[in-house]
Amino acid sequence: FTRRCRGVAMIDMEGHEARAAIAELDGVELNGQSIQVREERPRGKKKRGGRRR
């Protein structure tokens, strides 16, 4: 935990081009940092938790 900005970006791509970009760019070093490229997974519905007081 460094309290530094993670530098997040999102790109919209589909199909074989997206899979090729992920395979080519995941783990590449950029400005001295290894980047992580992954496919976004659909989020499930959040459960409302906790107790009301």
PDB file of N, CA and C in Angstrom:
ATOM      1  N   PHE A   1       0.846  -1.176   0.000  1.00  0.00           N
ATOM      2  CA  PHE A   1       0.000   0.000   0.000  1.00  0.00           C
ATOM      3  C   PHE A   1       0.888   1.235   0.000  1.00  0.00           C
ATOM      4  N   THR A   2       0.846   1.990  -1.085  1.00  0.00           N
ATOM      5  CA  THR A   2       1.757   3.132  -1.220  1.00  0.00           C
ATOM      6  C   THR A   2       1.050   4.479  -1.206  1.00  0.00           C
ATOM      7  N   ARG A   3      -0.275   4.479  -1.219  1.00  0.00           N
ATOM      8  CA  ARG A   3      -1.075   5.705  -1.291  1.00  0.00           C
ATOM      9  C   ARG A   3      -0.851   6.478  -2.586  1.00  0.00           C
ATOM     10  N   ARG A   4      -0.329   5.812  -3.600  1.00  0.00           N
ATOM     11  CA  ARG A   4      -0.131   6.441  -4.903  1.00  0.00           C
ATOM     12  C   ARG A   4      -1.283   6.068  -5.822  1.00  0.00           C
ATOM     13  N   CYS A   5      -1.601   6.959  -6.740  1.00  0.00           N
ATOM     14  CA  CYS A   5      -2.642   6.700  -7.725  1.00  0.00           C
ATOM     15  C   CYS A   5      -2.260   5.485  -8.560  1.00  0.00           C
ATOM     16  N   ARG A   6      -3.203   4.618  -8.808  1.00  0.00           N
ATOM     17  CA  ARG A   6      -2.937   3.417  -9.592  1.00  0.00           C
ATOM     18  C   ARG A   6      -2.894   3.705 -11.082  1.00  0.00           C
ATOM     19  N   GLY A   7      -3.455   4.812 -11.523  1.00  0.00           N
ATOM     20  CA  GLY A   7      -3.463   5.124 -12.942  1.00  0.00           C
ATOM     21  C   GLY A   7      -4.301   4.134 -13.732  1.00  0.00           C
ATOM     22  N   VAL A   8      -5.596   4.229 -13.615  1.00  0.00           N
ATOM     23  CA  VAL A   8      -6.517   3.291 -14.241  1.00  0.00           C
ATOM     24  C   VAL A   8      -7.036   3.863 -15.560  1.00  0.00           C
ATOM     25  N   ALA A   9      -7.166   3.011 -16.568  1.00  0.00           N
ATOM     26  CA  ALA A   9      -7.759   3.397 -17.850  1.00  0.00           C
ATOM     27  C   ALA A   9      -8.664   2.272 -18.322  1.00  0.00           C
ATOM     28  N   MET A  10      -9.715   2.629 -19.037  1.00  0.00           N
ATOM     29  CA  MET A  10     -10.620   1.625 -19.593  1.00  0.00           C
ATOM     30  C   MET A  10     -10.764   1.873 -21.086  1.00  0.00           C
ATOM     31  N   ILE A  11     -10.739   0.784 -21.838  1.00  0.00           N
ATOM     32  CA  ILE A  11     -10.860   0.844 -23.287  1.00  0.00           C
ATOM     33  C   ILE A  11     -11.954  -0.126 -23.701  1.00  0.00           C
ATOM     34  N   ASP A  12     -12.802   0.285 -24.616  1.00  0.00           N
ATOM     35  CA  ASP A  12     -13.903  -0.551 -25.084  1.00  0.00           C
ATOM     36  C   ASP A  12     -13.510  -1.210 -26.405  1.00  0.00           C
ATOM     37  N   MET A  13     -13.326  -2.520 -26.370  1.00  0.00           N
ATOM     38  CA  MET A  13     -12.988  -3.306 -27.562  1.00  0.00           C
ATOM     39  C   MET A  13     -13.760  -4.608 -27.496  1.00  0.00           C
ATOM     40  N   GLU A  14     -13.964  -5.225 -28.646  1.00  0.00           N
ATOM     41  CA  GLU A  14     -14.674  -6.496 -28.670  1.00  0.00           C
ATOM     42  C   GLU A  14     -13.951  -7.513 -29.540  1.00  0.00           C
ATOM     43  N   GLY A  15     -14.268  -8.760 -29.312  1.00  0.00           N
ATOM     44  CA  GLY A  15     -13.841  -9.845 -30.174  1.00  0.00           C
ATOM     45  C   GLY A  15     -12.364 -10.155 -30.164  1.00  0.00           C
ATOM     46  N   HIS A  16     -11.894 -10.636 -31.316  1.00  0.00           N
ATOM     47  CA  HIS A  16     -10.513 -11.107 -31.420  1.00  0.00           C
ATOM     48  C   HIS A  16      -9.507  -9.980 -31.232  1.00  0.00           C
ATOM     49  N   GLU A  17      -9.869  -8.744 -31.603  1.00  0.00           N
ATOM     50  CA  GLU A  17      -8.953  -7.613 -31.403  1.00  0.00           C
ATOM     51  C   GLU A  17      -8.693  -7.380 -29.921  1.00  0.00           C
ATOM     52  N   ALA A  18      -9.728  -7.490 -29.121  1.00  0.00           N
ATOM     53  CA  ALA A  18      -9.583  -7.294 -27.676  1.00  0.00           C
ATOM     54  C   ALA A  18      -8.701  -8.383 -27.073  1.00  0.00           C
ATOM     55  N   ARG A  19      -8.950  -9.622 -27.442  1.00  0.00           N
ATOM     56  CA  ARG A  19      -8.145 -10.729 -26.908  1.00  0.00           C
ATOM     57  C   ARG A  19      -6.683 -10.607 -27.324  1.00  0.00           C
ATOM     58  N   ALA A  20      -6.442 -10.171 -28.556  1.00  0.00           N
ATOM     59  CA  ALA A  20      -5.067  -9.991 -29.032  1.00  0.00           C
ATOM     60  C   ALA A  20      -4.370  -8.867 -28.268  1.00  0.00           C
ATOM     61  N   ALA A  21      -5.085  -7.771 -28.011  1.00  0.00           N
ATOM     62  CA  ALA A  21      -4.500  -6.649 -27.271  1.00  0.00           C
ATOM     63  C   ALA A  21      -4.164  -7.056 -25.843  1.00  0.00           C
ATOM     64  N   ILE A  22      -5.043  -7.814 -25.206  1.00  0.00           N
ATOM     65  CA  ILE A  22      -4.791  -8.285 -23.845  1.00  0.00           C
ATOM     66  C   ILE A  22      -3.542  -9.159 -23.824  1.00  0.00           C
ATOM     67  N   ALA A  23      -3.464 -10.102 -24.755  1.00  0.00           N
ATOM     68  CA  ALA A  23      -2.321 -11.018 -24.803  1.00  0.00           C
ATOM     69  C   ALA A  23      -1.013 -10.269 -25.058  1.00  0.00           C
ATOM     70  N   GLU A  24      -1.061  -9.254 -25.905  1.00  0.00           N
ATOM     71  CA  GLU A  24       0.154  -8.522 -26.273  1.00  0.00           C
ATOM     72  C   GLU A  24       0.613  -7.547 -25.193  1.00  0.00           C
ATOM     73  N   LEU A  25      -0.319  -6.925 -24.482  1.00  0.00           N
ATOM     74  CA  LEU A  25       0.044  -5.830 -23.582  1.00  0.00           C
ATOM     75  C   LEU A  25       0.105  -6.187 -22.101  1.00  0.00           C
ATOM     76  N   ASP A  26      -0.519  -7.271 -21.688  1.00  0.00           N
ATOM     77  CA  ASP A  26      -0.514  -7.632 -20.269  1.00  0.00           C
ATOM     78  C   ASP A  26       0.912  -7.933 -19.813  1.00  0.00           C
ATOM     79  N   GLY A  27       1.353  -7.242 -18.781  1.00  0.00           N
ATOM     80  CA  GLY A  27       2.682  -7.459 -18.220  1.00  0.00           C
ATOM     81  C   GLY A  27       3.772  -6.600 -18.834  1.00  0.00           C
ATOM     82  N   VAL A  28       3.438  -5.795 -19.845  1.00  0.00           N
ATOM     83  CA  VAL A  28       4.422  -4.920 -20.492  1.00  0.00           C
ATOM     84  C   VAL A  28       4.849  -3.834 -19.510  1.00  0.00           C
ATOM     85  N   GLU A  29       6.112  -3.442 -19.561  1.00  0.00           N
ATOM     86  CA  GLU A  29       6.606  -2.377 -18.688  1.00  0.00           C
ATOM     87  C   GLU A  29       6.386  -1.024 -19.357  1.00  0.00           C
ATOM     88  N   LEU A  30       5.805  -0.087 -18.614  1.00  0.00           N
ATOM     89  CA  LEU A  30       5.531   1.264 -19.092  1.00  0.00           C
ATOM     90  C   LEU A  30       5.974   2.243 -18.015  1.00  0.00           C
ATOM     91  N   ASN A  31       6.904   3.111 -18.339  1.00  0.00           N
ATOM     92  CA  ASN A  31       7.438   4.080 -17.370  1.00  0.00           C
ATOM     93  C   ASN A  31       7.928   3.402 -16.095  1.00  0.00           C
ATOM     94  N   GLY A  32       8.572   2.271 -16.250  1.00  0.00           N
ATOM     95  CA  GLY A  32       9.144   1.573 -15.103  1.00  0.00           C
ATOM     96  C   GLY A  32       8.151   0.748 -14.299  1.00  0.00           C
ATOM     97  N   GLN A  33       6.906   0.658 -14.753  1.00  0.00           N
ATOM     98  CA  GLN A  33       5.880  -0.108 -14.049  1.00  0.00           C
ATOM     99  C   GLN A  33       5.299  -1.163 -14.981  1.00  0.00           C
ATOM    100  N   SER A  34       5.062  -2.339 -14.455  1.00  0.00           N
ATOM    101  CA  SER A  34       4.418  -3.394 -15.221  1.00  0.00           C
ATOM    102  C   SER A  34       2.919  -3.100 -15.268  1.00  0.00           C
ATOM    103  N   ILE A  35       2.335  -3.116 -16.469  1.00  0.00           N
ATOM    104  CA  ILE A  35       0.904  -2.830 -16.573  1.00  0.00           C
ATOM    105  C   ILE A  35       0.112  -4.130 -16.600  1.00  0.00           C
ATOM    106  N   GLN A  36      -1.118  -4.039 -16.127  1.00  0.00           N
ATOM    107  CA  GLN A  36      -2.012  -5.194 -16.090  1.00  0.00           C
ATOM    108  C   GLN A  36      -3.181  -4.896 -17.022  1.00  0.00           C
ATOM    109  N   VAL A  37      -3.386  -5.759 -18.000  1.00  0.00           N
ATOM    110  CA  VAL A  37      -4.483  -5.609 -18.952  1.00  0.00           C
ATOM    111  C   VAL A  37      -5.378  -6.822 -18.787  1.00  0.00           C
ATOM    112  N   ARG A  38      -6.651  -6.576 -18.554  1.00  0.00           N
ATOM    113  CA  ARG A  38      -7.564  -7.702 -18.358  1.00  0.00           C
ATOM    114  C   ARG A  38      -8.956  -7.353 -18.867  1.00  0.00           C
ATOM    115  N   GLU A  39      -9.723  -8.388 -19.112  1.00  0.00           N
ATOM    116  CA  GLU A  39     -11.094  -8.227 -19.564  1.00  0.00           C
ATOM    117  C   GLU A  39     -11.977  -7.895 -18.367  1.00  0.00           C
ATOM    118  N   GLU A  40     -12.870  -6.951 -18.567  1.00  0.00           N
ATOM    119  CA  GLU A  40     -13.794  -6.595 -17.492  1.00  0.00           C
ATOM    120  C   GLU A  40     -14.837  -7.695 -17.354  1.00  0.00           C
ATOM    121  N   ARG A  41     -15.108  -8.039 -16.129  1.00  0.00           N
ATOM    122  CA  ARG A  41     -16.126  -9.044 -15.842  1.00  0.00           C
ATOM    123  C   ARG A  41     -17.406  -8.336 -15.410  1.00  0.00           C
ATOM    124  N   PRO A  42     -18.568  -8.852 -15.823  1.00  0.00           N
ATOM    125  CA  PRO A  42     -19.822  -8.240 -15.372  1.00  0.00           C
ATOM    126  C   PRO A  42     -19.924  -8.314 -13.853  1.00  0.00           C
ATOM    127  N   ARG A  43     -20.379  -7.244 -13.266  1.00  0.00           N
ATOM    128  CA  ARG A  43     -20.544  -7.220 -11.811  1.00  0.00           C
ATOM    129  C   ARG A  43     -21.912  -7.762 -11.443  1.00  0.00           C
ATOM    130  N   GLY A  44     -21.936  -8.538 -10.367  1.00  0.00           N
ATOM    131  CA  GLY A  44     -23.206  -9.032  -9.864  1.00  0.00           C
ATOM    132  C   GLY A  44     -23.877  -7.960  -9.023  1.00  0.00           C
ATOM    133  N   LYS A  45     -25.107  -8.199  -8.688  1.00  0.00           N
ATOM    134  CA  LYS A  45     -25.813  -7.248  -7.834  1.00  0.00           C
ATOM    135  C   LYS A  45     -25.211  -7.279  -6.443  1.00  0.00           C
ATOM    136  N   LYS A  46     -25.037  -6.106  -5.865  1.00  0.00           N
ATOM    137  CA  LYS A  46     -24.514  -6.031  -4.502  1.00  0.00           C
ATOM    138  C   LYS A  46     -25.628  -6.348  -3.521  1.00  0.00           C
ATOM    139  N   LYS A  47     -25.262  -7.123  -2.526  1.00  0.00           N
ATOM    140  CA  LYS A  47     -26.215  -7.413  -1.465  1.00  0.00           C
ATOM    141  C   LYS A  47     -26.194  -6.261  -0.486  1.00  0.00           C
ATOM    142  N   ARG A  48     -27.346  -5.876  -0.055  1.00  0.00           N
ATOM    143  CA  ARG A  48     -27.417  -4.819   0.947  1.00  0.00           C
ATOM    144  C   ARG A  48     -27.188  -5.474   2.295  1.00  0.00           C
ATOM    145  N   GLY A  49     -26.084  -5.141   2.914  1.00  0.00           N
ATOM    146  CA  GLY A  49     -25.737  -5.789   4.169  1.00  0.00           C
ATOM    147  C   GLY A  49     -25.813  -4.835   5.340  1.00  0.00           C
ATOM    148  N   GLY A  50     -25.486  -5.362   6.475  1.00  0.00           N
ATOM    149  CA  GLY A  50     -25.458  -4.541   7.677  1.00  0.00           C
ATOM    150  C   GLY A  50     -26.805  -4.470   8.363  1.00  0.00           C
ATOM    151  N   ARG A  51     -26.765  -3.920   9.562  1.00  0.00           N
ATOM    152  CA  ARG A  51     -27.996  -3.769  10.336  1.00  0.00           C
ATOM    153  C   ARG A  51     -28.370  -2.310  10.428  1.00  0.00           C
ATOM    154  N   ARG A  52     -29.637  -2.065  10.467  1.00  0.00           N
ATOM    155  CA  ARG A  52     -30.109  -0.704  10.732  1.00  0.00           C
ATOM    156  C   ARG A  52     -30.271  -0.546  12.221  1.00  0.00           C
ATOM    157  N   ARG A  53     -29.937   0.605  12.692  1.00  0.00           N
ATOM    158  CA  ARG A  53     -30.083   0.856  14.135  1.00  0.00           C
ATOM    159  C   ARG A  53     -31.198   1.809  14.400  1.00  0.00           C
TER     160      ARG A  53
END
